[in-house]
N, C-alpha and C. Protein backbone atom coordinates (compact mmCIF):
# COMPACT_ATOMS: atom_id res chain seq x y z
N MET A 1 -114.26 -78.09 -37.57
CA MET A 1 -115.65 -78.39 -37.22
C MET A 1 -116.57 -77.28 -37.71
N GLN A 2 -117.72 -77.68 -38.17
CA GLN A 2 -118.66 -76.73 -38.74
C GLN A 2 -119.41 -75.97 -37.64
N GLU A 3 -119.57 -74.68 -37.88
CA GLU A 3 -120.29 -73.84 -36.93
C GLU A 3 -121.77 -74.21 -36.90
N GLN A 4 -122.38 -74.06 -35.73
CA GLN A 4 -123.81 -74.36 -35.57
C GLN A 4 -124.66 -73.18 -36.06
N LEU A 5 -125.91 -73.47 -36.36
CA LEU A 5 -126.85 -72.41 -36.70
C LEU A 5 -127.13 -71.57 -35.46
N GLY A 6 -127.43 -70.30 -35.70
CA GLY A 6 -127.80 -69.42 -34.61
C GLY A 6 -129.22 -69.71 -34.15
N ALA A 7 -129.59 -69.10 -33.04
CA ALA A 7 -130.93 -69.32 -32.47
C ALA A 7 -132.03 -68.90 -33.43
N ARG A 8 -131.85 -67.78 -34.12
CA ARG A 8 -132.88 -67.31 -35.06
C ARG A 8 -133.04 -68.29 -36.21
N GLU A 9 -131.94 -68.77 -36.75
CA GLU A 9 -132.02 -69.72 -37.86
C GLU A 9 -132.70 -71.01 -37.42
N GLN A 10 -132.36 -71.49 -36.22
CA GLN A 10 -133.02 -72.68 -35.70
C GLN A 10 -134.52 -72.45 -35.50
N ALA A 11 -134.88 -71.25 -35.05
CA ALA A 11 -136.30 -70.93 -34.85
C ALA A 11 -137.06 -70.90 -36.17
N VAL A 12 -136.41 -70.41 -37.22
CA VAL A 12 -137.05 -70.39 -38.55
C VAL A 12 -137.35 -71.82 -38.99
N LEU A 13 -136.38 -72.71 -38.85
CA LEU A 13 -136.61 -74.11 -39.25
C LEU A 13 -137.67 -74.78 -38.38
N ALA A 14 -137.68 -74.46 -37.10
CA ALA A 14 -138.69 -75.02 -36.20
C ALA A 14 -140.09 -74.55 -36.61
N LEU A 15 -140.20 -73.29 -36.99
CA LEU A 15 -141.50 -72.77 -37.42
C LEU A 15 -141.95 -73.47 -38.70
N GLU A 16 -141.01 -73.76 -39.59
CA GLU A 16 -141.36 -74.45 -40.84
C GLU A 16 -141.81 -75.88 -40.60
N ARG A 17 -141.40 -76.49 -39.51
CA ARG A 17 -141.82 -77.87 -39.20
C ARG A 17 -143.28 -77.92 -38.76
N ARG A 18 -143.79 -76.82 -38.26
CA ARG A 18 -145.15 -76.80 -37.72
C ARG A 18 -146.18 -76.68 -38.84
N GLY A 19 -147.38 -77.16 -38.55
CA GLY A 19 -148.49 -76.97 -39.47
C GLY A 19 -149.32 -75.80 -38.99
N PHE A 20 -149.86 -75.06 -39.90
CA PHE A 20 -150.67 -73.89 -39.54
C PHE A 20 -152.06 -74.03 -40.12
N SER A 21 -153.03 -73.70 -39.28
CA SER A 21 -154.42 -73.78 -39.73
C SER A 21 -154.92 -72.38 -40.03
N GLY A 22 -155.54 -72.26 -41.15
CA GLY A 22 -156.17 -70.98 -41.49
C GLY A 22 -155.20 -69.99 -42.09
N PRO A 23 -155.76 -69.11 -42.92
CA PRO A 23 -154.93 -68.09 -43.57
C PRO A 23 -154.42 -67.08 -42.54
N GLY A 24 -153.18 -66.68 -42.70
CA GLY A 24 -152.62 -65.67 -41.82
C GLY A 24 -151.99 -66.20 -40.55
N ALA A 25 -152.22 -67.47 -40.21
CA ALA A 25 -151.69 -68.01 -38.96
C ALA A 25 -150.16 -68.05 -38.98
N LYS A 26 -149.60 -68.46 -40.11
CA LYS A 26 -148.13 -68.54 -40.21
C LYS A 26 -147.52 -67.15 -40.16
N GLU A 27 -148.10 -66.19 -40.89
CA GLU A 27 -147.57 -64.83 -40.88
C GLU A 27 -147.65 -64.21 -39.50
N ARG A 28 -148.72 -64.51 -38.79
CA ARG A 28 -148.86 -64.00 -37.41
C ARG A 28 -147.77 -64.59 -36.52
N ALA A 29 -147.51 -65.89 -36.66
CA ALA A 29 -146.46 -66.55 -35.87
C ALA A 29 -145.09 -65.96 -36.21
N ILE A 30 -144.85 -65.67 -37.48
CA ILE A 30 -143.58 -65.08 -37.89
C ILE A 30 -143.38 -63.74 -37.19
N ARG A 31 -144.41 -62.92 -37.19
CA ARG A 31 -144.30 -61.59 -36.57
C ARG A 31 -144.19 -61.69 -35.05
N GLU A 32 -145.02 -62.51 -34.43
CA GLU A 32 -145.09 -62.56 -32.97
C GLU A 32 -143.93 -63.34 -32.34
N GLU A 33 -143.58 -64.47 -32.94
CA GLU A 33 -142.57 -65.32 -32.32
C GLU A 33 -141.15 -64.97 -32.72
N LEU A 34 -140.97 -64.52 -33.95
CA LEU A 34 -139.62 -64.24 -34.44
C LEU A 34 -139.34 -62.75 -34.58
N ASP A 35 -140.36 -61.94 -34.45
CA ASP A 35 -140.23 -60.49 -34.60
C ASP A 35 -139.61 -60.12 -35.96
N LEU A 36 -140.11 -60.80 -36.99
CA LEU A 36 -139.66 -60.54 -38.36
C LEU A 36 -140.86 -60.23 -39.23
N SER A 37 -140.64 -59.45 -40.27
CA SER A 37 -141.69 -59.30 -41.28
C SER A 37 -141.68 -60.58 -42.12
N PRO A 38 -142.81 -60.95 -42.69
CA PRO A 38 -142.81 -62.14 -43.56
C PRO A 38 -141.77 -62.04 -44.69
N PHE A 39 -141.59 -60.85 -45.23
CA PHE A 39 -140.61 -60.66 -46.30
C PHE A 39 -139.21 -61.07 -45.83
N HIS A 40 -138.79 -60.56 -44.68
CA HIS A 40 -137.46 -60.89 -44.17
C HIS A 40 -137.37 -62.37 -43.76
N TYR A 41 -138.46 -62.89 -43.25
CA TYR A 41 -138.50 -64.31 -42.87
C TYR A 41 -138.22 -65.18 -44.09
N TYR A 42 -138.91 -64.92 -45.20
CA TYR A 42 -138.73 -65.75 -46.38
C TYR A 42 -137.36 -65.54 -47.02
N GLN A 43 -136.79 -64.34 -46.89
CA GLN A 43 -135.41 -64.13 -47.35
C GLN A 43 -134.45 -65.01 -46.56
N LEU A 44 -134.62 -64.99 -45.24
CA LEU A 44 -133.76 -65.79 -44.36
C LEU A 44 -133.96 -67.28 -44.63
N LEU A 45 -135.20 -67.70 -44.78
CA LEU A 45 -135.50 -69.11 -45.04
C LEU A 45 -134.86 -69.56 -46.35
N ASN A 46 -134.98 -68.75 -47.39
CA ASN A 46 -134.41 -69.11 -48.68
C ASN A 46 -132.89 -69.26 -48.59
N ALA A 47 -132.24 -68.37 -47.85
CA ALA A 47 -130.79 -68.48 -47.67
C ALA A 47 -130.45 -69.75 -46.88
N LEU A 48 -131.28 -70.07 -45.89
CA LEU A 48 -131.03 -71.27 -45.08
C LEU A 48 -131.08 -72.55 -45.92
N LEU A 49 -131.94 -72.56 -46.93
CA LEU A 49 -132.07 -73.77 -47.75
C LEU A 49 -130.80 -74.10 -48.50
N ASP A 50 -129.92 -73.10 -48.68
CA ASP A 50 -128.64 -73.31 -49.35
C ASP A 50 -127.49 -73.43 -48.37
N ASP A 51 -127.78 -73.43 -47.08
CA ASP A 51 -126.75 -73.46 -46.05
C ASP A 51 -126.53 -74.90 -45.57
N PRO A 52 -125.32 -75.43 -45.72
CA PRO A 52 -125.07 -76.81 -45.29
C PRO A 52 -125.31 -77.03 -43.79
N ARG A 53 -125.17 -75.98 -42.99
CA ARG A 53 -125.43 -76.11 -41.55
C ARG A 53 -126.91 -76.38 -41.30
N ALA A 54 -127.78 -75.76 -42.10
CA ALA A 54 -129.23 -75.99 -41.95
C ALA A 54 -129.56 -77.43 -42.33
N LEU A 55 -128.95 -77.92 -43.39
CA LEU A 55 -129.17 -79.30 -43.82
C LEU A 55 -128.73 -80.28 -42.73
N ALA A 56 -127.60 -79.99 -42.10
CA ALA A 56 -127.11 -80.86 -41.03
C ALA A 56 -128.03 -80.80 -39.81
N HIS A 57 -128.58 -79.62 -39.54
CA HIS A 57 -129.43 -79.42 -38.36
C HIS A 57 -130.79 -80.10 -38.52
N ASP A 58 -131.41 -79.96 -39.69
CA ASP A 58 -132.77 -80.48 -39.91
C ASP A 58 -132.92 -80.94 -41.35
N PRO A 59 -132.33 -82.10 -41.69
CA PRO A 59 -132.34 -82.53 -43.09
C PRO A 59 -133.73 -82.79 -43.66
N VAL A 60 -134.65 -83.28 -42.86
CA VAL A 60 -135.99 -83.57 -43.37
C VAL A 60 -136.69 -82.29 -43.82
N THR A 61 -136.68 -81.29 -42.97
CA THR A 61 -137.35 -80.03 -43.29
C THR A 61 -136.66 -79.33 -44.46
N VAL A 62 -135.34 -79.25 -44.43
CA VAL A 62 -134.60 -78.56 -45.49
C VAL A 62 -134.81 -79.25 -46.83
N ASN A 63 -134.73 -80.55 -46.87
CA ASN A 63 -134.93 -81.26 -48.14
C ASN A 63 -136.37 -81.10 -48.65
N ARG A 64 -137.34 -81.13 -47.75
CA ARG A 64 -138.74 -80.93 -48.16
C ARG A 64 -138.91 -79.53 -48.77
N LEU A 65 -138.36 -78.52 -48.11
CA LEU A 65 -138.50 -77.15 -48.61
C LEU A 65 -137.72 -76.94 -49.91
N ARG A 66 -136.59 -77.62 -50.06
CA ARG A 66 -135.85 -77.53 -51.33
C ARG A 66 -136.68 -78.11 -52.47
N ARG A 67 -137.36 -79.23 -52.20
CA ARG A 67 -138.22 -79.83 -53.25
C ARG A 67 -139.35 -78.87 -53.62
N VAL A 68 -139.96 -78.24 -52.62
CA VAL A 68 -141.04 -77.28 -52.89
C VAL A 68 -140.50 -76.13 -53.74
N ARG A 69 -139.35 -75.60 -53.35
CA ARG A 69 -138.76 -74.47 -54.09
C ARG A 69 -138.47 -74.86 -55.53
N GLU A 70 -137.90 -76.04 -55.72
CA GLU A 70 -137.59 -76.48 -57.08
C GLU A 70 -138.85 -76.68 -57.92
N SER A 71 -139.89 -77.21 -57.33
CA SER A 71 -141.13 -77.41 -58.10
C SER A 71 -141.75 -76.07 -58.48
N ARG A 72 -141.64 -75.08 -57.60
CA ARG A 72 -142.16 -73.74 -57.92
C ARG A 72 -141.34 -73.08 -59.02
N ARG A 73 -140.04 -73.29 -58.98
CA ARG A 73 -139.18 -72.73 -60.05
C ARG A 73 -139.53 -73.36 -61.38
N GLY A 74 -139.87 -74.64 -61.37
CA GLY A 74 -140.23 -75.33 -62.60
C GLY A 74 -141.54 -74.84 -63.19
N GLU A 75 -142.41 -74.29 -62.34
CA GLU A 75 -143.71 -73.79 -62.82
C GLU A 75 -143.58 -72.45 -63.52
N ARG A 76 -142.50 -71.72 -63.25
CA ARG A 76 -142.33 -70.38 -63.83
C ARG A 76 -141.85 -70.43 -65.25
């Protein structure tokens, strides 16, 4: 049986499901709610996008973020 995501990983995906209004709102939530720097948050998020446990936990969010990542890679 596959191991479940930890609480922090689940919180990262939950934060990504939310919409944020205004510049800086997401970064503020990252710092206040997860106690992470935005840099470490995005490192963790990027690793989660390649984690099959994350896909099993929240396929809609993970697939959406994978599409965004791929489109950004195509722009470079």
